[in-house]
């Protein structure tokens, strides 16, 4: 697809937003509740609930905001609407990327899962930033590091809040 195409940009924007929000929200919740001292099974259940509910919520939000925007244009034609595809992309990217920080909790002991979840999430954010920069033809290193650092702040916040309420 052509990066100058309006629909392509819409889809990429929804993919990046869903993936980034999922990685940051999920790892933030997981490290926060791990820091608060809850059991591994409760962490897994919480992570699954978060990923499922938020994937749906984010896709609905994407659909509603895109459809409302489309309907505001004088030449709106519901047959040419891209809001449904944007919502599907948002749902899929949120759901799949949310599994990245949850995966360590499913397969390794809690104390190791905590750190692996953080490392995998930061690495995924770096890769997401790099991929989005390549697709959109922006600065690769700047985009990758920015995505990773901003996500890292959210992770640190999750740990601090979890420790505060332990």
Foldseek 3Di string as FASTA:
>chain_A
DDLVDPLVVLQLVLLLVLLLCLLLVLLLQLLLQVLLPDDLVVSLVVLVVCLQVVLQVSLVVQLVVQVVVLVVDPPRDVVPGCSNVSSVSSSVSNNVNNVQLSVLSVPDDSVVSNVNSLVSSLVVQLVSQQVSCVSNVHDRNVSSVVSSVVSVVSNVVSNVNSNVND
